[in-house]
């Protein structure tokens, strides 16, 4: 279902505030930047800021929450008859490719997280919520069974973390073929698991 006009406007304002905040965090540091600084730079009142975010930490977690929603939507958008493996690869490749498409913004975001433990902790504060969202999308594709919920949660965790690993790898190594990087990572994991079943 397409978002309403009100929802699209709200998301646009949130992203505008988030982008302003990322610029300030990159220049002044996450810990040194206040909510007042962000509101002033965004040209809004404090009251308006708190209409969209409850705190600076909530703002920092916005990117992860948005990513989770996009990943869940990408999983749902895969062909109904697609295998779980195909849906897994297609959805995370599609979303990660978006991160590489705006390389400057992604690098800035990762740099902020690497320089501030508080920023990283704030972003991760919504991880369980995001994992649950993505797990629900996977669960809708899995057959009924006692291990369905566990498998969906495992897939969600791997999807979220593998995408981050692949994007960082591509940025660090100046590689732009994300699907190939994802395939290499998956093949490496499968080889390790298969090796484990047959001894060292």
C-alpha atoms as a PDB file:
ATOM      1  CA  UNK A   1       0.000   0.000   0.000  1.00  0.00           C
ATOM      2  CA  UNK A   2       1.347   3.417  -0.967  1.00  0.00           C
ATOM      3  CA  UNK A   3       1.981   5.882   1.881  1.00  0.00           C
ATOM      4  CA  UNK A   4      -0.442   8.775   2.235  1.00  0.00           C
ATOM      5  CA  UNK A   5       0.492  12.342   1.326  1.00  0.00           C
ATOM      6  CA  UNK A   6       0.769  13.160   5.035  1.00  0.00           C
ATOM      7  CA  UNK A   7       3.136  10.221   5.587  1.00  0.00           C
ATOM      8  CA  UNK A   8       5.282  11.240   2.607  1.00  0.00           C
ATOM      9  CA  UNK A   9       5.520  14.822   3.874  1.00  0.00           C
ATOM     10  CA  UNK A  10       6.428  13.650   7.361  1.00  0.00           C
ATOM     11  CA  UNK A  11       9.144  11.388   5.971  1.00  0.00           C
ATOM     12  CA  UNK A  12      10.523  14.231   3.830  1.00  0.00           C
ATOM     13  CA  UNK A  13      10.765  16.514   6.873  1.00  0.00           C
ATOM     14  CA  UNK A  14      12.391  13.767   8.956  1.00  0.00           C
ATOM     15  CA  UNK A  15      14.972  13.107   6.252  1.00  0.00           C
ATOM     16  CA  UNK A  16      15.677  16.827   5.910  1.00  0.00           C
ATOM     17  CA  UNK A  17      16.306  17.158   9.655  1.00  0.00           C
ATOM     18  CA  UNK A  18      18.391  13.966   9.634  1.00  0.00           C
ATOM     19  CA  UNK A  19      20.572  15.233   6.772  1.00  0.00           C
ATOM     20  CA  UNK A  20      21.170  18.548   8.555  1.00  0.00           C
ATOM     21  CA  UNK A  21      22.078  16.666  11.713  1.00  0.00           C
ATOM     22  CA  UNK A  22      24.523  14.394   9.870  1.00  0.00           C
ATOM     23  CA  UNK A  23      26.305  17.456   8.482  1.00  0.00           C
ATOM     24  CA  UNK A  24      26.617  18.907  11.990  1.00  0.00           C
ATOM     25  CA  UNK A  25      27.748  15.596  13.486  1.00  0.00           C
ATOM     26  CA  UNK A  26      30.385  15.243  10.759  1.00  0.00           C
ATOM     27  CA  UNK A  27      31.801  18.715  11.376  1.00  0.00           C
ATOM     28  CA  UNK A  28      31.317  19.241  15.120  1.00  0.00           C
ATOM     29  CA  UNK A  29      30.984  15.706  16.451  1.00  0.00           C
ATOM     30  CA  UNK A  30      27.909  13.807  17.613  1.00  0.00           C
ATOM     31  CA  UNK A  31      28.557  14.379  21.314  1.00  0.00           C
ATOM     32  CA  UNK A  32      29.213  18.085  20.887  1.00  0.00           C
ATOM     33  CA  UNK A  33      26.099  18.788  18.786  1.00  0.00           C
ATOM     34  CA  UNK A  34      22.909  19.642  20.654  1.00  0.00           C
ATOM     35  CA  UNK A  35      19.273  19.378  19.666  1.00  0.00           C
ATOM     36  CA  UNK A  36      19.196  23.173  19.716  1.00  0.00           C
ATOM     37  CA  UNK A  37      22.036  23.247  17.184  1.00  0.00           C
ATOM     38  CA  UNK A  38      20.161  20.851  14.903  1.00  0.00           C
ATOM     39  CA  UNK A  39      16.873  22.751  15.119  1.00  0.00           C
ATOM     40  CA  UNK A  40      18.619  26.058  14.425  1.00  0.00           C
ATOM     41  CA  UNK A  41      20.497  24.675  11.410  1.00  0.00           C
ATOM     42  CA  UNK A  42      17.319  23.050  10.080  1.00  0.00           C
ATOM     43  CA  UNK A  43      15.411  26.326  10.425  1.00  0.00           C
ATOM     44  CA  UNK A  44      12.783  24.886  12.759  1.00  0.00           C
ATOM     45  CA  UNK A  45      11.738  25.418  16.356  1.00  0.00           C
ATOM     46  CA  UNK A  46      12.588  22.992  19.148  1.00  0.00           C
ATOM     47  CA  UNK A  47       8.894  22.194  19.359  1.00  0.00           C
ATOM     48  CA  UNK A  48       8.914  21.212  15.683  1.00  0.00           C
ATOM     49  CA  UNK A  49      12.015  19.076  16.192  1.00  0.00           C
ATOM     50  CA  UNK A  50      10.325  17.121  18.975  1.00  0.00           C
ATOM     51  CA  UNK A  51       7.287  16.597  16.773  1.00  0.00           C
ATOM     52  CA  UNK A  52       9.469  14.350  14.599  1.00  0.00           C
ATOM     53  CA  UNK A  53      12.136  13.008  16.987  1.00  0.00           C
ATOM     54  CA  UNK A  54      12.047  12.435  20.726  1.00  0.00           C
ATOM     55  CA  UNK A  55      15.776  13.071  21.188  1.00  0.00           C
ATOM     56  CA  UNK A  56      19.128  13.300  19.435  1.00  0.00           C
ATOM     57  CA  UNK A  57      19.515   9.550  19.937  1.00  0.00           C
ATOM     58  CA  UNK A  58      16.138   8.901  18.340  1.00  0.00           C
ATOM     59  CA  UNK A  59      17.263  10.968  15.357  1.00  0.00           C
ATOM     60  CA  UNK A  60      20.490   8.968  15.088  1.00  0.00           C
ATOM     61  CA  UNK A  61      18.472   5.742  15.003  1.00  0.00           C
ATOM     62  CA  UNK A  62      16.255   7.009  12.186  1.00  0.00           C
ATOM     63  CA  UNK A  63      18.506   5.666   9.418  1.00  0.00           C
ATOM     64  CA  UNK A  64      18.406   2.142  10.839  1.00  0.00           C
ATOM     65  CA  UNK A  65      14.626   2.246  11.223  1.00  0.00           C
ATOM     66  CA  UNK A  66      14.218   3.538   7.668  1.00  0.00           C
ATOM     67  CA  UNK A  67      16.551   0.837   6.397  1.00  0.00           C
ATOM     68  CA  UNK A  68      14.536  -1.843   8.197  1.00  0.00           C
ATOM     69  CA  UNK A  69      11.315  -0.621   6.627  1.00  0.00           C
ATOM     70  CA  UNK A  70      12.933  -0.542   3.176  1.00  0.00           C
ATOM     71  CA  UNK A  71      14.354  -4.046   3.589  1.00  0.00           C
ATOM     72  CA  UNK A  72      11.019  -5.460   4.746  1.00  0.00           C
ATOM     73  CA  UNK A  73       9.307  -3.824   1.761  1.00  0.00           C
ATOM     74  CA  UNK A  74      11.967  -5.237  -0.595  1.00  0.00           C
ATOM     75  CA  UNK A  75      11.411  -8.747   0.782  1.00  0.00           C
ATOM     76  CA  UNK A  76       7.657  -8.391   0.296  1.00  0.00           C
ATOM     77  CA  UNK A  77       8.234  -7.107  -3.252  1.00  0.00           C
ATOM     78  CA  UNK A  78      10.087 -10.250  -4.346  1.00  0.00           C
ATOM     79  CA  UNK A  79       8.145 -12.616  -6.591  1.00  0.00           C
ATOM     80  CA  UNK A  80       5.719 -14.798  -4.597  1.00  0.00           C
ATOM     81  CA  UNK A  81       7.229 -17.970  -6.028  1.00  0.00           C
ATOM     82  CA  UNK A  82      10.836 -16.969  -5.394  1.00  0.00           C
ATOM     83  CA  UNK A  83      12.855 -19.179  -3.078  1.00  0.00           C
ATOM     84  CA  UNK A  84      13.841 -17.808   0.316  1.00  0.00           C
ATOM     85  CA  UNK A  85      17.463 -17.741  -0.864  1.00  0.00           C
ATOM     86  CA  UNK A  86      16.519 -15.716  -3.947  1.00  0.00           C
ATOM     87  CA  UNK A  87      14.415 -13.299  -1.891  1.00  0.00           C
ATOM     88  CA  UNK A  88      17.258 -12.976   0.632  1.00  0.00           C
ATOM     89  CA  UNK A  89      19.838 -12.127  -2.030  1.00  0.00           C
ATOM     90  CA  UNK A  90      17.596  -9.884  -4.114  1.00  0.00           C
ATOM     91  CA  UNK A  91      16.264  -7.813  -1.222  1.00  0.00           C
ATOM     92  CA  UNK A  92      19.541  -7.118   0.551  1.00  0.00           C
ATOM     93  CA  UNK A  93      21.346  -6.430  -2.726  1.00  0.00           C
ATOM     94  CA  UNK A  94      18.659  -3.954  -3.749  1.00  0.00           C
ATOM     95  CA  UNK A  95      18.741  -2.060  -0.459  1.00  0.00           C
ATOM     96  CA  UNK A  96      22.521  -2.113  -0.084  1.00  0.00           C
ATOM     97  CA  UNK A  97      22.864  -0.809  -3.633  1.00  0.00           C
ATOM     98  CA  UNK A  98      20.922   2.253  -2.525  1.00  0.00           C
ATOM     99  CA  UNK A  99      23.551   2.856   0.139  1.00  0.00           C
ATOM    100  CA  UNK A 100      26.312   2.727  -2.457  1.00  0.00           C
ATOM    101  CA  UNK A 101      24.353   4.985  -4.791  1.00  0.00           C
ATOM    102  CA  UNK A 102      24.812   7.849  -2.332  1.00  0.00           C
ATOM    103  CA  UNK A 103      28.396   7.060  -1.395  1.00  0.00           C
ATOM    104  CA  UNK A 104      29.172  10.437   0.205  1.00  0.00           C
ATOM    105  CA  UNK A 105      26.188  10.236   2.545  1.00  0.00           C
ATOM    106  CA  UNK A 106      26.914   6.619   3.457  1.00  0.00           C
ATOM    107  CA  UNK A 107      30.593   7.355   4.168  1.00  0.00           C
ATOM    108  CA  UNK A 108      29.624  10.326   6.343  1.00  0.00           C
ATOM    109  CA  UNK A 109      27.170   8.200   8.304  1.00  0.00           C
ATOM    110  CA  UNK A 110      29.683   5.376   8.849  1.00  0.00           C
ATOM    111  CA  UNK A 111      32.375   7.867   9.880  1.00  0.00           C
ATOM    112  CA  UNK A 112      30.096   9.377  12.527  1.00  0.00           C
ATOM    113  CA  UNK A 113      29.329   5.919  13.916  1.00  0.00           C
ATOM    114  CA  UNK A 114      33.021   4.986  14.011  1.00  0.00           C
ATOM    115  CA  UNK A 115      34.029   8.197  15.827  1.00  0.00           C
ATOM    116  CA  UNK A 116      31.289   8.234  18.452  1.00  0.00           C
ATOM    117  CA  UNK A 117      30.384   5.237  20.626  1.00  0.00           C
ATOM    118  CA  UNK A 118      27.345   7.220  21.779  1.00  0.00           C
ATOM    119  CA  UNK A 119      26.136   7.641  18.195  1.00  0.00           C
ATOM    120  CA  UNK A 120      26.629   3.921  17.491  1.00  0.00           C
ATOM    121  CA  UNK A 121      24.779   2.995  20.694  1.00  0.00           C
ATOM    122  CA  UNK A 122      21.928   5.361  19.820  1.00  0.00           C
ATOM    123  CA  UNK A 123      21.523   3.819  16.385  1.00  0.00           C
ATOM    124  CA  UNK A 124      21.606   0.283  17.776  1.00  0.00           C
ATOM    125  CA  UNK A 125      18.927   1.138  20.361  1.00  0.00           C
ATOM    126  CA  UNK A 126      16.278   0.347  17.725  1.00  0.00           C
ATOM    127  CA  UNK A 127      17.952  -2.819  16.397  1.00  0.00           C
ATOM    128  CA  UNK A 128      15.573  -5.299  18.052  1.00  0.00           C
ATOM    129  CA  UNK A 129      12.600  -3.380  16.654  1.00  0.00           C
ATOM    130  CA  UNK A 130      14.111  -3.374  13.169  1.00  0.00           C
ATOM    131  CA  UNK A 131      15.020  -7.070  13.340  1.00  0.00           C
ATOM    132  CA  UNK A 132      11.442  -7.901  14.329  1.00  0.00           C
ATOM    133  CA  UNK A 133      10.120  -5.894  11.371  1.00  0.00           C
ATOM    134  CA  UNK A 134      12.376  -7.695   8.888  1.00  0.00           C
ATOM    135  CA  UNK A 135      11.693 -11.075  10.526  1.00  0.00           C
ATOM    136  CA  UNK A 136       7.956 -10.591   9.987  1.00  0.00           C
ATOM    137  CA  UNK A 137       8.586 -10.039   6.276  1.00  0.00           C
ATOM    138  CA  UNK A 138      10.612 -13.266   6.050  1.00  0.00           C
ATOM    139  CA  UNK A 139       8.061 -15.178   8.102  1.00  0.00           C
ATOM    140  CA  UNK A 140       5.389 -14.341   5.528  1.00  0.00           C
ATOM    141  CA  UNK A 141       7.495 -16.222   2.948  1.00  0.00           C
ATOM    142  CA  UNK A 142       8.378 -19.286   5.003  1.00  0.00           C
ATOM    143  CA  UNK A 143       6.306 -22.474   5.146  1.00  0.00           C
ATOM    144  CA  UNK A 144       4.386 -23.319   8.296  1.00  0.00           C
ATOM    145  CA  UNK A 145       6.381 -25.204  10.878  1.00  0.00           C
ATOM    146  CA  UNK A 146       7.735 -25.177  14.397  1.00  0.00           C
ATOM    147  CA  UNK A 147      10.996 -23.471  13.354  1.00  0.00           C
ATOM    148  CA  UNK A 148       9.387 -20.805  11.156  1.00  0.00           C
ATOM    149  CA  UNK A 149       9.724 -17.930  13.637  1.00  0.00           C
ATOM    150  CA  UNK A 150      13.297 -18.854  14.602  1.00  0.00           C
ATOM    151  CA  UNK A 151      14.353 -19.158  10.961  1.00  0.00           C
ATOM    152  CA  UNK A 152      12.760 -15.798  10.142  1.00  0.00           C
ATOM    153  CA  UNK A 153      14.606 -14.108  13.001  1.00  0.00           C
ATOM    154  CA  UNK A 154      17.897 -15.673  11.934  1.00  0.00           C
ATOM    155  CA  UNK A 155      17.392 -14.508   8.352  1.00  0.00           C
ATOM    156  CA  UNK A 156      16.580 -10.999   9.561  1.00  0.00           C
ATOM    157  CA  UNK A 157      19.729 -10.801  11.667  1.00  0.00           C
ATOM    158  CA  UNK A 158      21.944 -12.067   8.852  1.00  0.00           C
ATOM    159  CA  UNK A 159      20.302  -9.742   6.307  1.00  0.00           C
ATOM    160  CA  UNK A 160      20.814  -6.633   8.417  1.00  0.00           C
ATOM    161  CA  UNK A 161      24.425  -7.359   9.289  1.00  0.00           C
ATOM    162  CA  UNK A 162      25.554  -8.817   5.963  1.00  0.00           C
ATOM    163  CA  UNK A 163      24.358  -5.718   4.138  1.00  0.00           C
ATOM    164  CA  UNK A 164      26.416  -3.496   6.421  1.00  0.00           C
ATOM    165  CA  UNK A 165      29.481  -5.693   5.963  1.00  0.00           C
ATOM    166  CA  UNK A 166      29.112  -5.726   2.176  1.00  0.00           C
ATOM    167  CA  UNK A 167      28.606  -1.962   1.887  1.00  0.00           C
ATOM    168  CA  UNK A 168      31.633  -1.253   4.093  1.00  0.00           C
ATOM    169  CA  UNK A 169      33.724  -3.730   2.076  1.00  0.00           C
ATOM    170  CA  UNK A 170      32.762  -2.094  -1.211  1.00  0.00           C
ATOM    171  CA  UNK A 171      33.533   1.382   0.093  1.00  0.00           C
ATOM    172  CA  UNK A 172      36.877   0.329   1.608  1.00  0.00           C
ATOM    173  CA  UNK A 173      37.979  -1.584  -1.492  1.00  0.00           C
ATOM    174  CA  UNK A 174      36.467   0.759  -4.041  1.00  0.00           C
ATOM    175  CA  UNK A 175      34.346  -2.040  -5.484  1.00  0.00           C
ATOM    176  CA  UNK A 176      30.992  -1.171  -7.023  1.00  0.00           C
ATOM    177  CA  UNK A 177      29.697  -4.657  -7.898  1.00  0.00           C
ATOM    178  CA  UNK A 178      27.661  -5.171  -4.759  1.00  0.00           C
ATOM    179  CA  UNK A 179      25.732  -8.273  -5.931  1.00  0.00           C
ATOM    180  CA  UNK A 180      29.060  -9.988  -6.699  1.00  0.00           C
ATOM    181  CA  UNK A 181      30.379  -9.015  -3.258  1.00  0.00           C
ATOM    182  CA  UNK A 182      27.227 -10.382  -1.631  1.00  0.00           C
ATOM    183  CA  UNK A 183      27.577 -13.644  -3.587  1.00  0.00           C
ATOM    184  CA  UNK A 184      31.213 -13.983  -2.496  1.00  0.00           C
ATOM    185  CA  UNK A 185      30.256 -13.411   1.126  1.00  0.00           C
ATOM    186  CA  UNK A 186      27.412 -15.937   0.973  1.00  0.00           C
ATOM    187  CA  UNK A 187      29.586 -18.491  -0.830  1.00  0.00           C
ATOM    188  CA  UNK A 188      32.273 -18.067   1.814  1.00  0.00           C
ATOM    189  CA  UNK A 189      29.768 -18.638   4.617  1.00  0.00           C
ATOM    190  CA  UNK A 190      28.298 -21.696   2.917  1.00  0.00           C
ATOM    191  CA  UNK A 191      31.759 -23.151   2.385  1.00  0.00           C
ATOM    192  CA  UNK A 192      32.583 -22.674   6.059  1.00  0.00           C
ATOM    193  CA  UNK A 193      29.352 -24.338   7.198  1.00  0.00           C
ATOM    194  CA  UNK A 194      29.748 -27.246   4.775  1.00  0.00           C
ATOM    195  CA  UNK A 195      33.366 -27.710   5.845  1.00  0.00           C
ATOM    196  CA  UNK A 196      32.182 -27.802   9.445  1.00  0.00           C
ATOM    197  CA  UNK A 197      29.902 -30.744   8.713  1.00  0.00           C
ATOM    198  CA  UNK A 198      32.753 -32.806   7.254  1.00  0.00           C
ATOM    199  CA  UNK A 199      35.463 -31.962   9.724  1.00  0.00           C
ATOM    200  CA  UNK A 200      38.392 -29.578   9.238  1.00  0.00           C
END
